[in-house]
């Protein structure tokens, strides 16, 4: 341990030629440190903390859930809008064993889509996912299986087993 500490101290004492080179190119200003993170150019001293990966559309989440369900043996058909889910289910009601959808979706939301599904195809189980509590659900949808986010993948498997049995 003492060798590591001594070596670190020596490394910190050495001049940093690359930092000096960056300063010379920028006219005496270090481009990686002179500007706030949101004004820096690509690769100029940025770190992961300054630029978190955002996924507002939920594509990554849908991909992970899809791959997990396929691993469990399900055939998955992801859609981004509740109205598309209703159309597909009504056109081929025997093709789908269950519906898994988010409460907040673009276009027709999950609650409205679930109501339409139960009007037209009442035998298909629906699992609604949400970051909100199930208390916000309308009274007529209290029988629908609810999965609160964030959830573990094994919890998703358990909820689907209960919905399908």
Protein backbone atom coordinates (compact mmCIF):
# COMPACT_ATOMS: atom_id res chain seq x y z
CA UNK A 1 0.00 0.00 0.00
CA UNK A 2 2.77 2.43 0.77
CA UNK A 3 4.15 2.00 -2.76
CA UNK A 4 0.81 2.92 -4.30
CA UNK A 5 0.53 6.07 -2.21
CA UNK A 6 4.06 7.17 -3.08
CA UNK A 7 3.45 6.54 -6.76
CA UNK A 8 0.23 8.55 -6.76
CA UNK A 9 1.97 11.52 -5.20
CA UNK A 10 4.67 11.45 -7.87
CA UNK A 11 2.07 11.23 -10.65
CA UNK A 12 0.24 14.29 -9.37
CA UNK A 13 3.47 16.27 -9.23
CA UNK A 14 4.27 15.66 -12.91
CA UNK A 15 3.38 18.36 -15.44
CA UNK A 16 0.41 17.64 -17.67
CA UNK A 17 1.52 18.20 -21.26
CA UNK A 18 -1.89 17.43 -22.79
CA UNK A 19 -3.60 20.08 -20.67
CA UNK A 20 -1.00 22.61 -21.81
CA UNK A 21 -1.54 21.59 -25.44
CA UNK A 22 -5.29 22.12 -25.08
CA UNK A 23 -4.68 25.55 -23.57
CA UNK A 24 -2.42 26.55 -26.46
CA UNK A 25 -4.97 25.47 -29.07
CA UNK A 26 -7.71 27.45 -27.36
CA UNK A 27 -5.63 30.61 -27.06
CA UNK A 28 -4.58 30.14 -23.44
CA UNK A 29 -7.95 28.84 -22.21
CA UNK A 30 -8.51 25.20 -21.31
CA UNK A 31 -11.61 24.32 -23.41
CA UNK A 32 -12.52 21.44 -21.13
CA UNK A 33 -12.85 23.64 -18.06
CA UNK A 34 -13.46 27.21 -19.21
CA UNK A 35 -17.11 26.78 -20.16
CA UNK A 36 -20.10 25.41 -18.26
CA UNK A 37 -20.93 21.77 -19.13
CA UNK A 38 -23.93 22.68 -21.30
CA UNK A 39 -21.78 24.96 -23.50
CA UNK A 40 -18.86 22.62 -24.08
CA UNK A 41 -18.30 20.99 -27.42
CA UNK A 42 -18.42 17.22 -27.86
CA UNK A 43 -15.62 15.42 -26.06
CA UNK A 44 -14.22 18.53 -24.34
CA UNK A 45 -13.77 17.23 -20.83
CA UNK A 46 -17.30 15.93 -20.50
CA UNK A 47 -18.17 13.23 -18.02
CA UNK A 48 -21.11 10.86 -17.67
CA UNK A 49 -22.45 12.90 -14.79
CA UNK A 50 -22.81 16.00 -16.97
CA UNK A 51 -24.72 14.22 -19.73
CA UNK A 52 -27.04 11.53 -18.39
CA UNK A 53 -28.74 9.32 -20.91
CA UNK A 54 -32.38 10.32 -21.15
CA UNK A 55 -35.05 8.07 -22.59
CA UNK A 56 -38.26 10.10 -22.63
CA UNK A 57 -40.00 7.74 -25.06
CA UNK A 58 -39.37 4.64 -22.97
CA UNK A 59 -37.80 2.74 -25.88
CA UNK A 60 -35.07 1.21 -23.73
CA UNK A 61 -37.58 0.14 -21.08
CA UNK A 62 -39.86 -1.41 -23.72
CA UNK A 63 -36.90 -3.25 -25.25
CA UNK A 64 -35.84 -4.74 -21.90
CA UNK A 65 -39.39 -5.82 -21.04
CA UNK A 66 -39.88 -7.25 -24.54
CA UNK A 67 -36.66 -9.27 -24.38
CA UNK A 68 -37.54 -10.58 -20.92
CA UNK A 69 -41.04 -11.63 -21.98
CA UNK A 70 -39.64 -13.36 -25.06
CA UNK A 71 -37.19 -15.15 -22.77
CA UNK A 72 -40.21 -16.36 -20.78
CA UNK A 73 -41.74 -17.74 -23.98
CA UNK A 74 -44.19 -14.96 -24.86
CA UNK A 75 -44.57 -13.54 -28.34
CA UNK A 76 -44.49 -9.76 -27.87
CA UNK A 77 -45.92 -7.11 -30.16
CA UNK A 78 -45.02 -3.65 -28.81
CA UNK A 79 -47.09 -0.60 -29.75
CA UNK A 80 -46.62 3.01 -28.68
CA UNK A 81 -50.26 4.12 -28.77
CA UNK A 82 -53.26 2.66 -26.95
CA UNK A 83 -55.55 3.05 -29.97
CA UNK A 84 -53.27 0.79 -32.03
CA UNK A 85 -53.40 -1.81 -29.26
CA UNK A 86 -57.22 -1.69 -29.23
CA UNK A 87 -57.43 -1.98 -33.03
CA UNK A 88 -55.11 -4.98 -33.18
CA UNK A 89 -56.82 -6.74 -30.30
CA UNK A 90 -60.32 -6.20 -31.69
CA UNK A 91 -59.28 -7.35 -35.18
CA UNK A 92 -57.72 -10.61 -33.87
CA UNK A 93 -59.05 -11.27 -30.35
CA UNK A 94 -57.90 -14.90 -30.17
CA UNK A 95 -54.31 -14.05 -31.09
CA UNK A 96 -53.48 -12.33 -27.79
CA UNK A 97 -53.33 -14.04 -24.40
CA UNK A 98 -52.92 -10.80 -22.45
CA UNK A 99 -52.27 -7.09 -22.79
CA UNK A 100 -49.52 -5.29 -20.89
CA UNK A 101 -49.68 -1.51 -21.17
CA UNK A 102 -48.65 1.68 -19.47
CA UNK A 103 -51.27 4.01 -18.00
CA UNK A 104 -49.66 7.05 -19.64
CA UNK A 105 -49.20 6.52 -23.36
CA UNK A 106 -49.24 8.96 -26.27
CA UNK A 107 -52.57 9.17 -28.03
CA UNK A 108 -55.09 6.95 -26.31
CA UNK A 109 -53.89 6.33 -22.75
CA UNK A 110 -53.80 2.98 -21.00
CA UNK A 111 -56.93 3.54 -18.88
CA UNK A 112 -59.10 4.50 -21.87
CA UNK A 113 -57.62 1.70 -23.98
CA UNK A 114 -58.35 -0.82 -21.21
CA UNK A 115 -61.96 0.36 -21.01
CA UNK A 116 -62.37 -0.07 -24.78
CA UNK A 117 -60.72 -3.49 -24.69
CA UNK A 118 -63.05 -4.69 -21.92
CA UNK A 119 -66.09 -3.42 -23.86
CA UNK A 120 -65.13 -5.32 -27.02
CA UNK A 121 -63.04 -8.28 -25.80
CA UNK A 122 -63.87 -8.81 -22.11
CA UNK A 123 -62.03 -12.14 -21.75
CA UNK A 124 -58.52 -10.81 -22.42
CA UNK A 125 -56.62 -9.99 -19.20
CA UNK A 126 -55.01 -6.55 -19.05
CA UNK A 127 -52.04 -5.59 -16.88
CA UNK A 128 -51.64 -1.85 -16.41
CA UNK A 129 -48.28 -0.39 -15.38
CA UNK A 130 -47.79 3.02 -13.83
CA UNK A 131 -45.47 5.05 -11.68
CA UNK A 132 -48.58 6.28 -9.87
CA UNK A 133 -50.58 4.30 -7.34
CA UNK A 134 -53.55 2.16 -8.29
CA UNK A 135 -55.77 4.46 -6.19
CA UNK A 136 -55.98 6.80 -9.19
CA UNK A 137 -57.69 4.08 -11.25
CA UNK A 138 -61.38 4.47 -12.07
CA UNK A 139 -63.68 2.22 -10.02
CA UNK A 140 -64.71 0.16 -13.06
CA UNK A 141 -61.07 -0.85 -13.61
CA UNK A 142 -60.29 -1.98 -10.06
CA UNK A 143 -60.36 -5.62 -11.24
CA UNK A 144 -57.53 -4.99 -13.73
CA UNK A 145 -54.12 -6.27 -12.64
CA UNK A 146 -51.87 -3.37 -11.70
CA UNK A 147 -48.07 -3.25 -11.67
CA UNK A 148 -46.43 -0.19 -10.15
CA UNK A 149 -43.16 1.08 -11.60
CA UNK A 150 -40.33 0.72 -11.15
CA UNK A 151 -40.68 -3.03 -10.98
CA UNK A 152 -38.38 -6.02 -10.99
CA UNK A 153 -38.63 -8.35 -13.95
CA UNK A 154 -39.52 -11.29 -11.71
CA UNK A 155 -42.45 -9.23 -10.37
CA UNK A 156 -43.61 -8.76 -13.96
CA UNK A 157 -43.50 -12.52 -14.50
CA UNK A 158 -45.53 -13.11 -11.31
CA UNK A 159 -48.15 -10.54 -12.30
CA UNK A 160 -48.53 -12.06 -15.76
CA UNK A 161 -48.87 -15.56 -14.27
CA UNK A 162 -51.67 -14.33 -12.01
CA UNK A 163 -53.40 -12.49 -14.86
CA UNK A 164 -53.30 -15.53 -17.13
CA UNK A 165 -54.50 -18.05 -14.54
